[in-house]
Amino acid sequence: MLVHQHHRFANSVALFQVVIAVVAALTRVRPVWYASILVGVVGAVLFIETRV
């Protein structure tokens, strides 16, 4: 159970890191910016679901 929870946390952190990198590098390209926000929301959902 703890290993499964660890993997969920790792996945959510990885998604957050991708979002930070994309937003920082490509903020002028709107479709990429919106996609990065979507990935960030998915990461947040994974984090919240893991906590519950």
PDB file of N, CA and C in Angstrom:
ATOM      1  N   MET A   1       0.822  -1.198   0.000  1.00  0.00           N
ATOM      2  CA  MET A   1       0.000   0.000   0.000  1.00  0.00           C
ATOM      3  C   MET A   1       0.870   1.268   0.000  1.00  0.00           C
ATOM      4  N   LEU A   2       1.895   1.296   0.842  1.00  0.00           N
ATOM      5  CA  LEU A   2       2.738   2.479   0.898  1.00  0.00           C
ATOM      6  C   LEU A   2       3.514   2.698  -0.394  1.00  0.00           C
ATOM      7  N   VAL A   3       3.918   1.609  -1.035  1.00  0.00           N
ATOM      8  CA  VAL A   3       4.644   1.752  -2.301  1.00  0.00           C
ATOM      9  C   VAL A   3       3.720   2.352  -3.352  1.00  0.00           C
ATOM     10  N   HIS A   4       2.473   1.902  -3.375  1.00  0.00           N
ATOM     11  CA  HIS A   4       1.498   2.441  -4.324  1.00  0.00           C
ATOM     12  C   HIS A   4       1.292   3.938  -4.069  1.00  0.00           C
ATOM     13  N   GLN A   5       1.174   4.321  -2.815  1.00  0.00           N
ATOM     14  CA  GLN A   5       0.992   5.728  -2.474  1.00  0.00           C
ATOM     15  C   GLN A   5       2.233   6.538  -2.865  1.00  0.00           C
ATOM     16  N   HIS A   6       3.392   5.957  -2.662  1.00  0.00           N
ATOM     17  CA  HIS A   6       4.633   6.636  -3.049  1.00  0.00           C
ATOM     18  C   HIS A   6       4.661   6.914  -4.550  1.00  0.00           C
ATOM     19  N   HIS A   7       4.251   5.946  -5.348  1.00  0.00           N
ATOM     20  CA  HIS A   7       4.254   6.121  -6.800  1.00  0.00           C
ATOM     21  C   HIS A   7       3.262   7.203  -7.217  1.00  0.00           C
ATOM     22  N   ARG A   8       2.130   7.268  -6.536  1.00  0.00           N
ATOM     23  CA  ARG A   8       1.152   8.320  -6.856  1.00  0.00           C
ATOM     24  C   ARG A   8       1.728   9.698  -6.552  1.00  0.00           C
ATOM     25  N   PHE A   9       2.386   9.837  -5.401  1.00  0.00           N
ATOM     26  CA  PHE A   9       3.020  11.107  -5.062  1.00  0.00           C
ATOM     27  C   PHE A   9       4.110  11.451  -6.076  1.00  0.00           C
ATOM     28  N   ALA A  10       4.905  10.472  -6.457  1.00  0.00           N
ATOM     29  CA  ALA A  10       5.982  10.703  -7.420  1.00  0.00           C
ATOM     30  C   ALA A  10       5.416  11.161  -8.763  1.00  0.00           C
ATOM     31  N   ASN A  11       4.323  10.545  -9.205  1.00  0.00           N
ATOM     32  CA  ASN A  11       3.706  10.949 -10.469  1.00  0.00           C
ATOM     33  C   ASN A  11       3.172  12.374 -10.399  1.00  0.00           C
ATOM     34  N   SER A  12       2.531  12.725  -9.303  1.00  0.00           N
ATOM     35  CA  SER A  12       1.988  14.079  -9.196  1.00  0.00           C
ATOM     36  C   SER A  12       3.099  15.116  -9.149  1.00  0.00           C
ATOM     37  N   VAL A  13       4.187  14.827  -8.450  1.00  0.00           N
ATOM     38  CA  VAL A  13       5.318  15.755  -8.403  1.00  0.00           C
ATOM     39  C   VAL A  13       5.954  15.895  -9.776  1.00  0.00           C
ATOM     40  N   ALA A  14       6.071  14.800 -10.504  1.00  0.00           N
ATOM     41  CA  ALA A  14       6.641  14.862 -11.849  1.00  0.00           C
ATOM     42  C   ALA A  14       5.790  15.737 -12.761  1.00  0.00           C
ATOM     43  N   LEU A  15       4.476  15.616 -12.665  1.00  0.00           N
ATOM     44  CA  LEU A  15       3.605  16.454 -13.486  1.00  0.00           C
ATOM     45  C   LEU A  15       3.751  17.929 -13.118  1.00  0.00           C
ATOM     46  N   PHE A  16       3.858  18.228 -11.830  1.00  0.00           N
ATOM     47  CA  PHE A  16       4.072  19.612 -11.416  1.00  0.00           C
ATOM     48  C   PHE A  16       5.380  20.156 -11.977  1.00  0.00           C
ATOM     49  N   GLN A  17       6.413  19.357 -11.977  1.00  0.00           N
ATOM     50  CA  GLN A  17       7.705  19.801 -12.495  1.00  0.00           C
ATOM     51  C   GLN A  17       7.643  20.076 -13.990  1.00  0.00           C
ATOM     52  N   VAL A  18       6.928  19.241 -14.715  1.00  0.00           N
ATOM     53  CA  VAL A  18       6.759  19.458 -16.156  1.00  0.00           C
ATOM     54  C   VAL A  18       6.029  20.771 -16.395  1.00  0.00           C
ATOM     55  N   VAL A  19       4.988  21.023 -15.614  1.00  0.00           N
ATOM     56  CA  VAL A  19       4.226  22.264 -15.777  1.00  0.00           C
ATOM     57  C   VAL A  19       5.099  23.480 -15.524  1.00  0.00           C
ATOM     58  N   ILE A  20       5.871  23.449 -14.469  1.00  0.00           N
ATOM     59  CA  ILE A  20       6.737  24.581 -14.155  1.00  0.00           C
ATOM     60  C   ILE A  20       7.719  24.832 -15.291  1.00  0.00           C
ATOM     61  N   ALA A  21       8.315  23.776 -15.813  1.00  0.00           N
ATOM     62  CA  ALA A  21       9.288  23.924 -16.900  1.00  0.00           C
ATOM     63  C   ALA A  21       8.640  24.476 -18.161  1.00  0.00           C
ATOM     64  N   VAL A  22       7.480  23.964 -18.517  1.00  0.00           N
ATOM     65  CA  VAL A  22       6.824  24.403 -19.749  1.00  0.00           C
ATOM     66  C   VAL A  22       6.348  25.845 -19.633  1.00  0.00           C
ATOM     67  N   VAL A  23       5.731  26.179 -18.519  1.00  0.00           N
ATOM     68  CA  VAL A  23       5.248  27.549 -18.347  1.00  0.00           C
ATOM     69  C   VAL A  23       6.411  28.530 -18.338  1.00  0.00           C
ATOM     70  N   ALA A  24       7.496  28.168 -17.682  1.00  0.00           N
ATOM     71  CA  ALA A  24       8.651  29.059 -17.625  1.00  0.00           C
ATOM     72  C   ALA A  24       9.295  29.243 -18.996  1.00  0.00           C
ATOM     73  N   ALA A  25       9.320  28.197 -19.794  1.00  0.00           N
ATOM     74  CA  ALA A  25      10.022  28.258 -21.073  1.00  0.00           C
ATOM     75  C   ALA A  25       9.159  28.788 -22.212  1.00  0.00           C
ATOM     76  N   LEU A  26       7.873  28.514 -22.189  1.00  0.00           N
ATOM     77  CA  LEU A  26       7.040  28.788 -23.367  1.00  0.00           C
ATOM     78  C   LEU A  26       5.778  29.580 -23.046  1.00  0.00           C
ATOM     79  N   THR A  27       5.874  30.571 -22.208  1.00  0.00           N
ATOM     80  CA  THR A  27       4.672  31.299 -21.812  1.00  0.00           C
ATOM     81  C   THR A  27       4.035  32.091 -22.945  1.00  0.00           C
ATOM     82  N   ARG A  28       4.768  32.348 -24.004  1.00  0.00           N
ATOM     83  CA  ARG A  28       4.196  33.132 -25.101  1.00  0.00           C
ATOM     84  C   ARG A  28       3.370  32.298 -26.072  1.00  0.00           C
ATOM     85  N   VAL A  29       3.461  30.990 -25.985  1.00  0.00           N
ATOM     86  CA  VAL A  29       2.699  30.115 -26.874  1.00  0.00           C
ATOM     87  C   VAL A  29       1.450  29.665 -26.117  1.00  0.00           C
ATOM     88  N   ARG A  30       0.318  30.268 -26.444  1.00  0.00           N
ATOM     89  CA  ARG A  30      -0.908  30.045 -25.678  1.00  0.00           C
ATOM     90  C   ARG A  30      -1.365  28.583 -25.614  1.00  0.00           C
ATOM     91  N   PRO A  31      -1.418  27.829 -26.720  1.00  0.00           N
ATOM     92  CA  PRO A  31      -1.877  26.435 -26.607  1.00  0.00           C
ATOM     93  C   PRO A  31      -1.005  25.599 -25.676  1.00  0.00           C
ATOM     94  N   VAL A  32       0.287  25.817 -25.704  1.00  0.00           N
ATOM     95  CA  VAL A  32       1.190  25.081 -24.817  1.00  0.00           C
ATOM     96  C   VAL A  32       0.958  25.515 -23.375  1.00  0.00           C
ATOM     97  N   TRP A  33       0.698  26.785 -23.178  1.00  0.00           N
ATOM     98  CA  TRP A  33       0.429  27.301 -21.840  1.00  0.00           C
ATOM     99  C   TRP A  33      -0.825  26.664 -21.268  1.00  0.00           C
ATOM    100  N   TYR A  34      -1.883  26.584 -22.079  1.00  0.00           N
ATOM    101  CA  TYR A  34      -3.121  25.958 -21.612  1.00  0.00           C
ATOM    102  C   TYR A  34      -2.929  24.465 -21.354  1.00  0.00           C
ATOM    103  N   ALA A  35      -2.179  23.801 -22.197  1.00  0.00           N
ATOM    104  CA  ALA A  35      -1.905  22.378 -21.992  1.00  0.00           C
ATOM    105  C   ALA A  35      -1.125  22.160 -20.702  1.00  0.00           C
ATOM    106  N   SER A  36      -0.191  23.057 -20.405  1.00  0.00           N
ATOM    107  CA  SER A  36       0.580  22.900 -19.183  1.00  0.00           C
ATOM    108  C   SER A  36      -0.293  23.112 -17.949  1.00  0.00           C
ATOM    109  N   ILE A  37      -1.249  24.009 -18.037  1.00  0.00           N
ATOM    110  CA  ILE A  37      -2.175  24.192 -16.920  1.00  0.00           C
ATOM    111  C   ILE A  37      -3.018  22.936 -16.738  1.00  0.00           C
ATOM    112  N   LEU A  38      -3.448  22.330 -17.830  1.00  0.00           N
ATOM    113  CA  LEU A  38      -4.223  21.091 -17.743  1.00  0.00           C
ATOM    114  C   LEU A  38      -3.409  19.985 -17.084  1.00  0.00           C
ATOM    115  N   VAL A  39      -2.146  19.866 -17.461  1.00  0.00           N
ATOM    116  CA  VAL A  39      -1.281  18.860 -16.842  1.00  0.00           C
ATOM    117  C   VAL A  39      -1.097  19.161 -15.355  1.00  0.00           C
ATOM    118  N   GLY A  40      -0.995  20.423 -15.007  1.00  0.00           N
ATOM    119  CA  GLY A  40      -0.884  20.804 -13.602  1.00  0.00           C
ATOM    120  C   GLY A  40      -2.121  20.434 -12.808  1.00  0.00           C
ATOM    121  N   VAL A  41      -3.279  20.611 -13.407  1.00  0.00           N
ATOM    122  CA  VAL A  41      -4.527  20.229 -12.742  1.00  0.00           C
ATOM    123  C   VAL A  41      -4.577  18.719 -12.543  1.00  0.00           C
ATOM    124  N   VAL A  42      -4.144  17.965 -13.541  1.00  0.00           N
ATOM    125  CA  VAL A  42      -4.094  16.508 -13.395  1.00  0.00           C
ATOM    126  C   VAL A  42      -3.150  16.124 -12.257  1.00  0.00           C
ATOM    127  N   GLY A  43      -2.011  16.776 -12.173  1.00  0.00           N
ATOM    128  CA  GLY A  43      -1.083  16.515 -11.080  1.00  0.00           C
ATOM    129  C   GLY A  43      -1.690  16.830  -9.732  1.00  0.00           C
ATOM    130  N   ALA A  44      -2.424  17.936  -9.650  1.00  0.00           N
ATOM    131  CA  ALA A  44      -3.086  18.304  -8.397  1.00  0.00           C
ATOM    132  C   ALA A  44      -4.151  17.281  -8.018  1.00  0.00           C
ATOM    133  N   VAL A  45      -4.898  16.817  -9.001  1.00  0.00           N
ATOM    134  CA  VAL A  45      -5.929  15.802  -8.733  1.00  0.00           C
ATOM    135  C   VAL A  45      -5.287  14.514  -8.237  1.00  0.00           C
ATOM    136  N   LEU A  46      -4.208  14.088  -8.870  1.00  0.00           N
ATOM    137  CA  LEU A  46      -3.515  12.884  -8.410  1.00  0.00           C
ATOM    138  C   LEU A  46      -3.020  13.057  -6.975  1.00  0.00           C
ATOM    139  N   PHE A  47      -2.501  14.228  -6.674  1.00  0.00           N
ATOM    140  CA  PHE A  47      -2.011  14.494  -5.317  1.00  0.00           C
ATOM    141  C   PHE A  47      -3.157  14.435  -4.308  1.00  0.00           C
ATOM    142  N   ILE A  48      -4.272  15.066  -4.638  1.00  0.00           N
ATOM    143  CA  ILE A  48      -5.416  15.088  -3.726  1.00  0.00           C
ATOM    144  C   ILE A  48      -5.993  13.691  -3.541  1.00  0.00           C
ATOM    145  N   GLU A  49      -6.117  12.929  -4.637  1.00  0.00           N
ATOM    146  CA  GLU A  49      -6.637  11.568  -4.536  1.00  0.00           C
ATOM    147  C   GLU A  49      -5.733  10.672  -3.702  1.00  0.00           C
ATOM    148  N   THR A  50      -4.438  10.913  -3.752  1.00  0.00           N
ATOM    149  CA  THR A  50      -3.507  10.112  -2.967  1.00  0.00           C
ATOM    150  C   THR A  50      -3.649  10.424  -1.490  1.00  0.00           C
ATOM    151  N   ARG A  51      -3.901  11.669  -1.177  1.00  0.00           N
ATOM    152  CA  ARG A  51      -4.023  12.085   0.207  1.00  0.00           C
ATOM    153  C   ARG A  51      -5.285  11.535   0.864  1.00  0.00           C
ATOM    154  N   VAL A  52      -6.328  11.276   0.096  1.00  0.00           N
ATOM    155  CA  VAL A  52      -7.612  10.829   0.655  1.00  0.00           C
ATOM    156  C   VAL A  52      -7.607   9.391   1.015  1.00  0.00           C
TER     157      VAL A  52
END
